[in-house]
């Protein structure tokens, strides 16, 4: 969250990506930092996934990431 907030504060568009387990934590941290950065959440968990599964998650998340970057 801090990285996305830092980028946004410098006028550099960014989109945070995290697993769905962290939706509430991301909202709380963004609020405490006084920002509302664009976020995309992927299915949780990610740590035990194969490379192919991670690629599929990334491919599925890409349209949402691009939409948020362009809308920014």
PDB file of N, CA and C in Angstrom:
ATOM      1  N   UNK A   1       0.821  -1.180   0.000  1.00  0.00           N
ATOM      2  CA  UNK A   1       0.000   0.000   0.000  1.00  0.00           C
ATOM      3  C   UNK A   1       0.872   1.254   0.000  1.00  0.00           C
ATOM      4  N   UNK A   2       1.932   1.232   0.775  1.00  0.00           N
ATOM      5  CA  UNK A   2       2.792   2.413   0.848  1.00  0.00           C
ATOM      6  C   UNK A   2       3.408   2.734  -0.514  1.00  0.00           C
ATOM      7  N   UNK A   3       3.757   1.706  -1.287  1.00  0.00           N
ATOM      8  CA  UNK A   3       4.350   1.951  -2.603  1.00  0.00           C
ATOM      9  C   UNK A   3       3.365   2.636  -3.534  1.00  0.00           C
ATOM     10  N   UNK A   4       2.120   2.156  -3.561  1.00  0.00           N
ATOM     11  CA  UNK A   4       1.118   2.758  -4.435  1.00  0.00           C
ATOM     12  C   UNK A   4       0.822   4.185  -3.988  1.00  0.00           C
ATOM     13  N   UNK A   5       0.695   4.405  -2.705  1.00  0.00           N
ATOM     14  CA  UNK A   5       0.444   5.749  -2.185  1.00  0.00           C
ATOM     15  C   UNK A   5       1.598   6.675  -2.550  1.00  0.00           C
ATOM     16  N   UNK A   6       2.827   6.184  -2.434  1.00  0.00           N
ATOM     17  CA  UNK A   6       3.992   6.997  -2.804  1.00  0.00           C
ATOM     18  C   UNK A   6       3.960   7.357  -4.279  1.00  0.00           C
ATOM     19  N   UNK A   7       3.697   6.372  -5.140  1.00  0.00           N
ATOM     20  CA  UNK A   7       3.619   6.657  -6.575  1.00  0.00           C
ATOM     21  C   UNK A   7       2.542   7.685  -6.875  1.00  0.00           C
ATOM     22  N   UNK A   8       1.349   7.464  -6.335  1.00  0.00           N
ATOM     23  CA  UNK A   8       0.231   8.379  -6.585  1.00  0.00           C
ATOM     24  C   UNK A   8       0.544   9.794  -6.095  1.00  0.00           C
ATOM     25  N   UNK A   9       1.198   9.899  -4.939  1.00  0.00           N
ATOM     26  CA  UNK A   9       1.510  11.225  -4.402  1.00  0.00           C
ATOM     27  C   UNK A   9       2.519  11.969  -5.276  1.00  0.00           C
ATOM     28  N   UNK A  10       3.276  11.234  -6.084  1.00  0.00           N
ATOM     29  CA  UNK A  10       4.224  11.850  -7.005  1.00  0.00           C
ATOM     30  C   UNK A  10       3.665  11.992  -8.410  1.00  0.00           C
ATOM     31  N   UNK A  11       2.360  11.685  -8.560  1.00  0.00           N
ATOM     32  CA  UNK A  11       1.718  11.828  -9.860  1.00  0.00           C
ATOM     33  C   UNK A  11       1.981  10.684 -10.816  1.00  0.00           C
ATOM     34  N   UNK A  12       2.462   9.573 -10.305  1.00  0.00           N
ATOM     35  CA  UNK A  12       2.739   8.406 -11.131  1.00  0.00           C
ATOM     36  C   UNK A  12       1.593   7.416 -10.940  1.00  0.00           C
ATOM     37  N   UNK A  13       0.835   7.123 -11.998  1.00  0.00           N
ATOM     38  CA  UNK A  13      -0.290   6.197 -11.849  1.00  0.00           C
ATOM     39  C   UNK A  13       0.188   4.810 -11.438  1.00  0.00           C
ATOM     40  N   UNK A  14      -0.569   4.199 -10.575  1.00  0.00           N
ATOM     41  CA  UNK A  14      -0.244   2.853 -10.130  1.00  0.00           C
ATOM     42  C   UNK A  14      -1.497   2.125  -9.699  1.00  0.00           C
ATOM     43  N   UNK A  15      -1.406   0.816  -9.648  1.00  0.00           N
ATOM     44  CA  UNK A  15      -2.496  -0.024  -9.185  1.00  0.00           C
ATOM     45  C   UNK A  15      -1.901  -1.057  -8.244  1.00  0.00           C
ATOM     46  N   UNK A  16      -2.434  -1.113  -7.042  1.00  0.00           N
ATOM     47  CA  UNK A  16      -1.991  -2.122  -6.094  1.00  0.00           C
ATOM     48  C   UNK A  16      -2.644  -3.453  -6.408  1.00  0.00           C
ATOM     49  N   UNK A  17      -1.905  -4.516  -6.217  1.00  0.00           N
ATOM     50  CA  UNK A  17      -2.428  -5.862  -6.428  1.00  0.00           C
ATOM     51  C   UNK A  17      -2.170  -6.658  -5.164  1.00  0.00           C
ATOM     52  N   UNK A  18      -3.233  -7.265  -4.647  1.00  0.00           N
ATOM     53  CA  UNK A  18      -3.119  -8.080  -3.436  1.00  0.00           C
ATOM     54  C   UNK A  18      -4.138  -9.205  -3.517  1.00  0.00           C
ATOM     55  N   UNK A  19      -3.982 -10.179  -2.653  1.00  0.00           N
ATOM     56  CA  UNK A  19      -4.963 -11.267  -2.648  1.00  0.00           C
ATOM     57  C   UNK A  19      -6.208 -10.840  -1.876  1.00  0.00           C
ATOM     58  N   UNK A  20      -7.293 -11.506  -2.164  1.00  0.00           N
ATOM     59  CA  UNK A  20      -8.597 -11.145  -1.603  1.00  0.00           C
ATOM     60  C   UNK A  20      -8.636 -11.200  -0.081  1.00  0.00           C
ATOM     61  N   UNK A  21      -7.716 -11.890   0.519  1.00  0.00           N
ATOM     62  CA  UNK A  21      -7.637 -11.962   1.981  1.00  0.00           C
ATOM     63  C   UNK A  21      -7.365 -10.579   2.598  1.00  0.00           C
ATOM     64  N   UNK A  22      -6.821  -9.661   1.801  1.00  0.00           N
ATOM     65  CA  UNK A  22      -6.358  -8.390   2.332  1.00  0.00           C
ATOM     66  C   UNK A  22      -7.224  -7.195   1.937  1.00  0.00           C
ATOM     67  N   UNK A  23      -8.457  -7.440   1.500  1.00  0.00           N
ATOM     68  CA  UNK A  23      -9.340  -6.346   1.099  1.00  0.00           C
ATOM     69  C   UNK A  23      -9.551  -5.377   2.260  1.00  0.00           C
ATOM     70  N   UNK A  24      -9.966  -5.890   3.401  1.00  0.00           N
ATOM     71  CA  UNK A  24     -10.257  -5.025   4.551  1.00  0.00           C
ATOM     72  C   UNK A  24      -8.985  -4.342   5.047  1.00  0.00           C
ATOM     73  N   UNK A  25      -7.895  -5.079   5.119  1.00  0.00           N
ATOM     74  CA  UNK A  25      -6.634  -4.489   5.576  1.00  0.00           C
ATOM     75  C   UNK A  25      -6.189  -3.377   4.629  1.00  0.00           C
ATOM     76  N   UNK A  26      -6.343  -3.575   3.328  1.00  0.00           N
ATOM     77  CA  UNK A  26      -5.957  -2.550   2.358  1.00  0.00           C
ATOM     78  C   UNK A  26      -6.819  -1.303   2.520  1.00  0.00           C
ATOM     79  N   UNK A  27      -8.126  -1.506   2.708  1.00  0.00           N
ATOM     80  CA  UNK A  27      -9.020  -0.362   2.919  1.00  0.00           C
ATOM     81  C   UNK A  27      -8.634   0.418   4.168  1.00  0.00           C
ATOM     82  N   UNK A  28      -8.356  -0.289   5.242  1.00  0.00           N
ATOM     83  CA  UNK A  28      -7.992   0.373   6.493  1.00  0.00           C
ATOM     84  C   UNK A  28      -6.675   1.121   6.363  1.00  0.00           C
ATOM     85  N   UNK A  29      -5.692   0.483   5.724  1.00  0.00           N
ATOM     86  CA  UNK A  29      -4.395   1.134   5.584  1.00  0.00           C
ATOM     87  C   UNK A  29      -4.498   2.352   4.666  1.00  0.00           C
ATOM     88  N   UNK A  30      -5.250   2.229   3.569  1.00  0.00           N
ATOM     89  CA  UNK A  30      -5.426   3.368   2.665  1.00  0.00           C
ATOM     90  C   UNK A  30      -6.076   4.528   3.410  1.00  0.00           C
ATOM     91  N   UNK A  31      -7.091   4.227   4.201  1.00  0.00           N
ATOM     92  CA  UNK A  31      -7.767   5.277   4.966  1.00  0.00           C
ATOM     93  C   UNK A  31      -6.805   5.944   5.937  1.00  0.00           C
ATOM     94  N   UNK A  32      -5.988   5.143   6.613  1.00  0.00           N
ATOM     95  CA  UNK A  32      -5.045   5.713   7.579  1.00  0.00           C
ATOM     96  C   UNK A  32      -3.979   6.567   6.901  1.00  0.00           C
ATOM     97  N   UNK A  33      -3.703   6.278   5.630  1.00  0.00           N
ATOM     98  CA  UNK A  33      -2.722   7.054   4.870  1.00  0.00           C
ATOM     99  C   UNK A  33      -3.363   8.235   4.148  1.00  0.00           C
ATOM    100  N   UNK A  34      -4.692   8.323   4.224  1.00  0.00           N
ATOM    101  CA  UNK A  34      -5.386   9.435   3.598  1.00  0.00           C
ATOM    102  C   UNK A  34      -5.455   9.350   2.084  1.00  0.00           C
ATOM    103  N   UNK A  35      -5.410   8.154   1.557  1.00  0.00           N
ATOM    104  CA  UNK A  35      -5.439   7.963   0.105  1.00  0.00           C
ATOM    105  C   UNK A  35      -6.472   6.899  -0.235  1.00  0.00           C
ATOM    106  N   UNK A  36      -6.839   6.848  -1.511  1.00  0.00           N
ATOM    107  CA  UNK A  36      -7.739   5.819  -2.013  1.00  0.00           C
ATOM    108  C   UNK A  36      -7.168   5.299  -3.329  1.00  0.00           C
ATOM    109  N   UNK A  37      -6.065   4.573  -3.258  1.00  0.00           N
ATOM    110  CA  UNK A  37      -5.415   4.120  -4.488  1.00  0.00           C
ATOM    111  C   UNK A  37      -6.233   3.036  -5.194  1.00  0.00           C
ATOM    112  N   UNK A  38      -6.027   2.932  -6.480  1.00  0.00           N
ATOM    113  CA  UNK A  38      -6.658   1.869  -7.258  1.00  0.00           C
ATOM    114  C   UNK A  38      -6.077   0.534  -6.808  1.00  0.00           C
ATOM    115  N   UNK A  39      -6.966  -0.438  -6.633  1.00  0.00           N
ATOM    116  CA  UNK A  39      -6.535  -1.767  -6.190  1.00  0.00           C
ATOM    117  C   UNK A  39      -7.223  -2.831  -7.025  1.00  0.00           C
ATOM    118  N   UNK A  40      -6.527  -3.934  -7.221  1.00  0.00           N
ATOM    119  CA  UNK A  40      -7.081  -5.135  -7.838  1.00  0.00           C
ATOM    120  C   UNK A  40      -6.749  -6.278  -6.894  1.00  0.00           C
ATOM    121  N   UNK A  41      -7.759  -7.091  -6.611  1.00  0.00           N
ATOM    122  CA  UNK A  41      -7.564  -8.230  -5.712  1.00  0.00           C
ATOM    123  C   UNK A  41      -7.718  -9.529  -6.481  1.00  0.00           C
ATOM    124  N   UNK A  42      -6.796 -10.441  -6.227  1.00  0.00           N
ATOM    125  CA  UNK A  42      -6.816 -11.757  -6.868  1.00  0.00           C
ATOM    126  C   UNK A  42      -7.182 -12.807  -5.826  1.00  0.00           C
ATOM    127  N   UNK A  43      -7.532 -13.985  -6.304  1.00  0.00           N
ATOM    128  CA  UNK A  43      -7.950 -15.061  -5.409  1.00  0.00           C
ATOM    129  C   UNK A  43      -6.837 -15.421  -4.421  1.00  0.00           C
ATOM    130  N   UNK A  44      -7.250 -15.689  -3.218  1.00  0.00           N
ATOM    131  CA  UNK A  44      -6.342 -16.090  -2.139  1.00  0.00           C
ATOM    132  C   UNK A  44      -6.479 -17.592  -1.937  1.00  0.00           C
ATOM    133  N   UNK A  45      -5.451 -18.296  -1.576  1.00  0.00           N
ATOM    134  CA  UNK A  45      -4.068 -17.861  -1.354  1.00  0.00           C
ATOM    135  C   UNK A  45      -3.262 -17.895  -2.652  1.00  0.00           C
ATOM    136  N   UNK A  46      -2.100 -17.271  -2.604  1.00  0.00           N
ATOM    137  CA  UNK A  46      -1.228 -17.309  -3.780  1.00  0.00           C
ATOM    138  C   UNK A  46       0.080 -18.044  -3.514  1.00  0.00           C
ATOM    139  N   UNK A  47       0.459 -18.172  -2.262  1.00  0.00           N
ATOM    140  CA  UNK A  47       1.800 -18.685  -1.957  1.00  0.00           C
ATOM    141  C   UNK A  47       2.049 -20.123  -2.387  1.00  0.00           C
ATOM    142  N   UNK A  48       1.024 -20.957  -2.435  1.00  0.00           N
ATOM    143  CA  UNK A  48       1.245 -22.360  -2.790  1.00  0.00           C
ATOM    144  C   UNK A  48       0.873 -22.688  -4.226  1.00  0.00           C
ATOM    145  N   UNK A  49       0.669 -21.685  -5.024  1.00  0.00           N
ATOM    146  CA  UNK A  49       0.255 -21.912  -6.413  1.00  0.00           C
ATOM    147  C   UNK A  49       1.460 -22.190  -7.309  1.00  0.00           C
ATOM    148  N   UNK A  50       1.201 -22.955  -8.345  1.00  0.00           N
ATOM    149  CA  UNK A  50       2.249 -23.248  -9.329  1.00  0.00           C
ATOM    150  C   UNK A  50       2.489 -22.013 -10.194  1.00  0.00           C
ATOM    151  N   UNK A  51       3.568 -22.038 -10.947  1.00  0.00           N
ATOM    152  CA  UNK A  51       3.863 -20.931 -11.860  1.00  0.00           C
ATOM    153  C   UNK A  51       2.717 -20.733 -12.847  1.00  0.00           C
ATOM    154  N   UNK A  52       2.175 -21.824 -13.369  1.00  0.00           N
ATOM    155  CA  UNK A  52       1.072 -21.715 -14.321  1.00  0.00           C
ATOM    156  C   UNK A  52      -0.166 -21.094 -13.670  1.00  0.00           C
ATOM    157  N   UNK A  53      -0.453 -21.459 -12.437  1.00  0.00           N
ATOM    158  CA  UNK A  53      -1.591 -20.884 -11.723  1.00  0.00           C
ATOM    159  C   UNK A  53      -1.388 -19.389 -11.479  1.00  0.00           C
ATOM    160  N   UNK A  54      -0.166 -19.010 -11.119  1.00  0.00           N
ATOM    161  CA  UNK A  54       0.127 -17.591 -10.909  1.00  0.00           C
ATOM    162  C   UNK A  54       0.004 -16.799 -12.205  1.00  0.00           C
ATOM    163  N   UNK A  55       0.460 -17.380 -13.306  1.00  0.00           N
ATOM    164  CA  UNK A  55       0.310 -16.715 -14.599  1.00  0.00           C
ATOM    165  C   UNK A  55      -1.171 -16.519 -14.933  1.00  0.00           C
ATOM    166  N   UNK A  56      -1.983 -17.533 -14.647  1.00  0.00           N
ATOM    167  CA  UNK A  56      -3.421 -17.432 -14.912  1.00  0.00           C
ATOM    168  C   UNK A  56      -4.050 -16.328 -14.057  1.00  0.00           C
ATOM    169  N   UNK A  57      -3.641 -16.220 -12.790  1.00  0.00           N
ATOM    170  CA  UNK A  57      -4.142 -15.138 -11.933  1.00  0.00           C
ATOM    171  C   UNK A  57      -3.747 -13.777 -12.498  1.00  0.00           C
ATOM    172  N   UNK A  58      -2.497 -13.667 -12.916  1.00  0.00           N
ATOM    173  CA  UNK A  58      -2.007 -12.404 -13.477  1.00  0.00           C
ATOM    174  C   UNK A  58      -2.749 -12.063 -14.767  1.00  0.00           C
ATOM    175  N   UNK A  59      -2.933 -13.051 -15.622  1.00  0.00           N
ATOM    176  CA  UNK A  59      -3.656 -12.812 -16.877  1.00  0.00           C
ATOM    177  C   UNK A  59      -5.085 -12.362 -16.607  1.00  0.00           C
ATOM    178  N   UNK A  60      -5.729 -12.973 -15.622  1.00  0.00           N
ATOM    179  CA  UNK A  60      -7.110 -12.613 -15.287  1.00  0.00           C
ATOM    180  C   UNK A  60      -7.183 -11.209 -14.670  1.00  0.00           C
ATOM    181  N   UNK A  61      -6.156 -10.808 -13.930  1.00  0.00           N
ATOM    182  CA  UNK A  61      -6.147  -9.506 -13.266  1.00  0.00           C
ATOM    183  C   UNK A  61      -5.778  -8.372 -14.209  1.00  0.00           C
ATOM    184  N   UNK A  62      -5.077  -8.666 -15.279  1.00  0.00           N
ATOM    185  CA  UNK A  62      -4.551  -7.619 -16.164  1.00  0.00           C
ATOM    186  C   UNK A  62      -5.616  -6.663 -16.710  1.00  0.00           C
ATOM    187  N   UNK A  63      -6.759  -7.128 -17.193  1.00  0.00           N
ATOM    188  CA  UNK A  63      -7.753  -6.161 -17.689  1.00  0.00           C
ATOM    189  C   UNK A  63      -8.187  -5.149 -16.615  1.00  0.00           C
ATOM    190  N   UNK A  64      -8.388  -5.605 -15.398  1.00  0.00           N
ATOM    191  CA  UNK A  64      -8.766  -4.705 -14.304  1.00  0.00           C
ATOM    192  C   UNK A  64      -7.660  -3.718 -13.974  1.00  0.00           C
ATOM    193  N   UNK A  65      -6.437  -4.183 -14.020  1.00  0.00           N
ATOM    194  CA  UNK A  65      -5.295  -3.304 -13.757  1.00  0.00           C
ATOM    195  C   UNK A  65      -5.218  -2.221 -14.832  1.00  0.00           C
ATOM    196  N   UNK A  66      -5.330  -2.622 -16.082  1.00  0.00           N
ATOM    197  CA  UNK A  66      -5.261  -1.655 -17.179  1.00  0.00           C
ATOM    198  C   UNK A  66      -6.417  -0.659 -17.125  1.00  0.00           C
ATOM    199  N   UNK A  67      -7.623  -1.142 -16.817  1.00  0.00           N
ATOM    200  CA  UNK A  67      -8.780  -0.226 -16.684  1.00  0.00           C
ATOM    201  C   UNK A  67      -8.520   0.829 -15.634  1.00  0.00           C
ATOM    202  N   UNK A  68      -7.981   0.411 -14.503  1.00  0.00           N
ATOM    203  CA  UNK A  68      -7.732   1.359 -13.411  1.00  0.00           C
ATOM    204  C   UNK A  68      -6.608   2.332 -13.749  1.00  0.00           C
ATOM    205  N   UNK A  69      -5.610   1.866 -14.479  1.00  0.00           N
ATOM    206  CA  UNK A  69      -4.530   2.766 -14.897  1.00  0.00           C
ATOM    207  C   UNK A  69      -5.051   3.827 -15.851  1.00  0.00           C
ATOM    208  N   UNK A  70      -5.864   3.427 -16.789  1.00  0.00           N
ATOM    209  CA  UNK A  70      -6.381   4.347 -17.801  1.00  0.00           C
ATOM    210  C   UNK A  70      -7.385   5.318 -17.175  1.00  0.00           C
ATOM    211  N   UNK A  71      -8.175   4.824 -16.215  1.00  0.00           N
ATOM    212  CA  UNK A  71      -9.187   5.672 -15.576  1.00  0.00           C
ATOM    213  C   UNK A  71      -8.562   6.677 -14.627  1.00  0.00           C
ATOM    214  N   UNK A  72      -7.343   6.346 -14.146  1.00  0.00           N
ATOM    215  CA  UNK A  72      -6.653   7.104 -13.135  1.00  0.00           C
ATOM    216  C   UNK A  72      -6.625   8.551 -13.293  1.00  0.00           C
TER     217      UNK A  72
END
